[in-house]
Protein backbone atom coordinates (compact mmCIF):
# COMPACT_ATOMS: atom_id res chain seq x y z
CA UNK A 1 113.10 55.09 84.70
CA UNK A 2 110.97 57.34 82.49
CA UNK A 3 111.23 61.12 82.85
CA UNK A 4 108.42 63.13 84.39
CA UNK A 5 106.74 65.74 82.20
CA UNK A 6 104.66 67.98 84.43
CA UNK A 7 102.52 71.07 84.05
CA UNK A 8 101.80 73.76 86.57
CA UNK A 9 100.28 77.21 86.88
CA UNK A 10 99.34 79.98 89.21
CA UNK A 11 95.71 79.95 90.38
CA UNK A 12 94.38 82.16 87.55
CA UNK A 13 96.52 80.53 84.83
CA UNK A 14 98.33 83.67 83.67
CA UNK A 15 101.68 82.06 84.56
CA UNK A 16 102.08 78.48 83.32
CA UNK A 17 104.92 75.98 83.74
CA UNK A 18 106.19 73.12 81.58
CA UNK A 19 108.55 70.99 83.64
CA UNK A 20 110.71 68.08 82.59
CA UNK A 21 112.40 66.02 85.28
CA UNK A 22 114.76 63.25 84.11
CA UNK A 23 113.51 60.83 86.80
CA UNK A 24 110.07 59.91 88.17
CA UNK A 25 108.46 62.54 90.40
CA UNK A 26 108.52 60.10 93.34
CA UNK A 27 112.32 60.48 93.48
CA UNK A 28 112.15 64.25 94.16
CA UNK A 29 111.34 65.25 97.74
CA UNK A 30 110.36 68.94 97.61
CA UNK A 31 112.60 71.26 99.64
CA UNK A 32 110.64 73.31 102.18
CA UNK A 33 112.70 76.44 102.78
CA UNK A 34 112.52 77.71 106.35
CA UNK A 35 112.89 81.42 105.56
CA UNK A 36 109.99 83.65 106.58
CA UNK A 37 109.00 84.46 102.98
CA UNK A 38 108.80 80.84 101.79
CA UNK A 39 107.09 79.69 104.98
CA UNK A 40 104.42 82.38 104.61
CA UNK A 41 103.79 81.15 101.05
CA UNK A 42 103.83 77.47 102.01
CA UNK A 43 106.44 76.90 99.30
CA UNK A 44 108.35 73.66 98.79
CA UNK A 45 110.66 73.55 95.79
CA UNK A 46 111.48 70.95 93.15
CA UNK A 47 114.22 71.07 90.52
CA UNK A 48 116.91 69.04 88.80
CA UNK A 49 119.97 70.51 87.05
CA UNK A 50 119.51 67.90 84.30
CA UNK A 51 115.84 68.85 83.81
CA UNK A 52 114.14 71.62 81.89
CA UNK A 53 111.72 74.38 82.78
CA UNK A 54 109.70 76.73 80.60
CA UNK A 55 107.66 79.50 82.19
CA UNK A 56 104.91 80.78 79.91
CA UNK A 57 103.73 84.28 80.69
CA UNK A 58 100.22 84.58 79.26
CA UNK A 59 99.83 88.15 80.53
CA UNK A 60 103.08 90.16 80.91
CA UNK A 61 101.45 92.49 83.45
CA UNK A 62 100.83 89.48 85.71
CA UNK A 63 104.50 88.55 86.18
CA UNK A 64 105.73 89.99 89.45
CA UNK A 65 109.26 89.71 90.80
CA UNK A 66 110.27 90.06 94.42
CA UNK A 67 113.74 90.01 95.94
CA UNK A 68 114.40 89.42 99.60
CA UNK A 69 117.18 88.06 101.76
CA UNK A 70 120.48 88.43 99.91
CA UNK A 71 118.68 89.95 96.92
CA UNK A 72 120.26 87.63 94.37
CA UNK A 73 117.23 85.56 93.39
CA UNK A 74 113.88 86.66 91.97
CA UNK A 75 110.73 85.15 93.41
CA UNK A 76 108.24 84.98 90.54
CA UNK A 77 104.65 85.47 91.50
CA UNK A 78 101.38 86.28 89.79
CA UNK A 79 100.27 89.86 90.38
CA UNK A 80 96.71 88.83 89.61
CA UNK A 81 96.17 85.88 91.99
CA UNK A 82 99.25 86.20 94.24
CA UNK A 83 100.64 82.68 93.78
CA UNK A 84 104.41 82.15 94.08
CA UNK A 85 105.33 79.89 91.13
CA UNK A 86 109.14 79.80 90.98
CA UNK A 87 112.45 81.36 91.98
CA UNK A 88 115.11 82.34 89.44
CA UNK A 89 118.76 83.35 89.55
CA UNK A 90 120.50 84.87 86.52
CA UNK A 91 124.25 84.75 85.94
CA UNK A 92 125.23 86.34 82.67
CA UNK A 93 122.98 84.87 79.98
CA UNK A 94 122.27 81.73 82.04
CA UNK A 95 119.09 81.40 84.06
CA UNK A 96 118.66 78.92 86.91
CA UNK A 97 115.32 78.21 88.58
CA UNK A 98 113.39 76.09 91.02
CA UNK A 99 109.63 75.51 91.01
CA UNK A 100 107.16 75.74 93.86
CA UNK A 101 105.90 72.14 93.87
CA UNK A 102 102.52 73.31 95.16
CA UNK A 103 101.66 74.80 91.73
CA UNK A 104 102.14 71.53 89.83
CA UNK A 105 98.89 70.11 88.49
CA UNK A 106 97.45 66.87 89.80
CA UNK A 107 99.36 64.67 92.19
CA UNK A 108 102.75 63.98 90.63
CA UNK A 109 103.63 61.63 93.51
CA UNK A 110 106.31 63.68 95.22
CA UNK A 111 107.40 62.37 98.63
CA UNK A 112 106.88 64.51 101.72
CA UNK A 113 108.80 67.77 101.76
CA UNK A 114 112.24 67.93 103.37
CA UNK A 115 113.05 71.02 105.46
CA UNK A 116 116.06 73.03 104.27
CA UNK A 117 117.69 76.08 105.81
CA UNK A 118 119.44 78.28 103.26
CA UNK A 119 119.61 80.99 105.94
CA UNK A 120 122.64 79.13 107.30
CA UNK A 121 124.57 79.75 104.05
CA UNK A 122 126.29 82.96 103.03
CA UNK A 123 125.28 84.55 99.70
CA UNK A 124 128.06 82.92 97.65
CA UNK A 125 127.35 79.48 99.12
CA UNK A 126 123.67 79.89 98.23
CA UNK A 127 124.54 80.64 94.61
CA UNK A 128 126.86 77.63 94.46
CA UNK A 129 124.08 75.43 95.84
CA UNK A 130 121.51 76.80 93.38
CA UNK A 131 123.81 75.92 90.49
CA UNK A 132 124.00 72.31 91.67
CA UNK A 133 120.30 71.67 92.45
CA UNK A 134 118.21 74.12 90.38
CA UNK A 135 117.16 73.74 86.74
CA UNK A 136 119.91 75.00 84.45
CA UNK A 137 117.83 74.85 81.26
CA UNK A 138 115.27 77.57 81.87
CA UNK A 139 113.27 79.76 79.50
CA UNK A 140 110.66 82.42 80.15
CA UNK A 141 108.44 83.46 77.27
CA UNK A 142 105.14 85.04 76.39
CA UNK A 143 102.33 82.89 74.98
CA UNK A 144 104.45 79.78 74.64
CA UNK A 145 107.50 81.34 72.97
CA UNK A 146 110.89 81.00 74.67
CA UNK A 147 112.42 84.28 75.65
């Protein structure tokens, strides 16, 4: 099965995503988190620990970060257009992330979203889960450069 190379962005394009999934997009049902924050944003997440993600920040003033819940993960959103693009978790020098599937361009062919309830996990169990399902090869850079 060929990998899926996908692109995504916030509405105004100041935050752009390059996504590489090792399998076809049709094999990744997005995860619709049931927390209040994700529900209010209509977010459903896609990731693969064997994939890669690069977040290009075309305007550094546009990158907003918001922490809620256990306060361990950063929700990345565009301060200009308000779109939630991804969630990251840093441990030491390693960055993990998941992408809001709603920002991916075109119709990649994802199946219907599957509801998930991370609220039922304690903070340490959430981190353990993120490490097993989120991207583990993540870079954030300005104007296309990794950072």
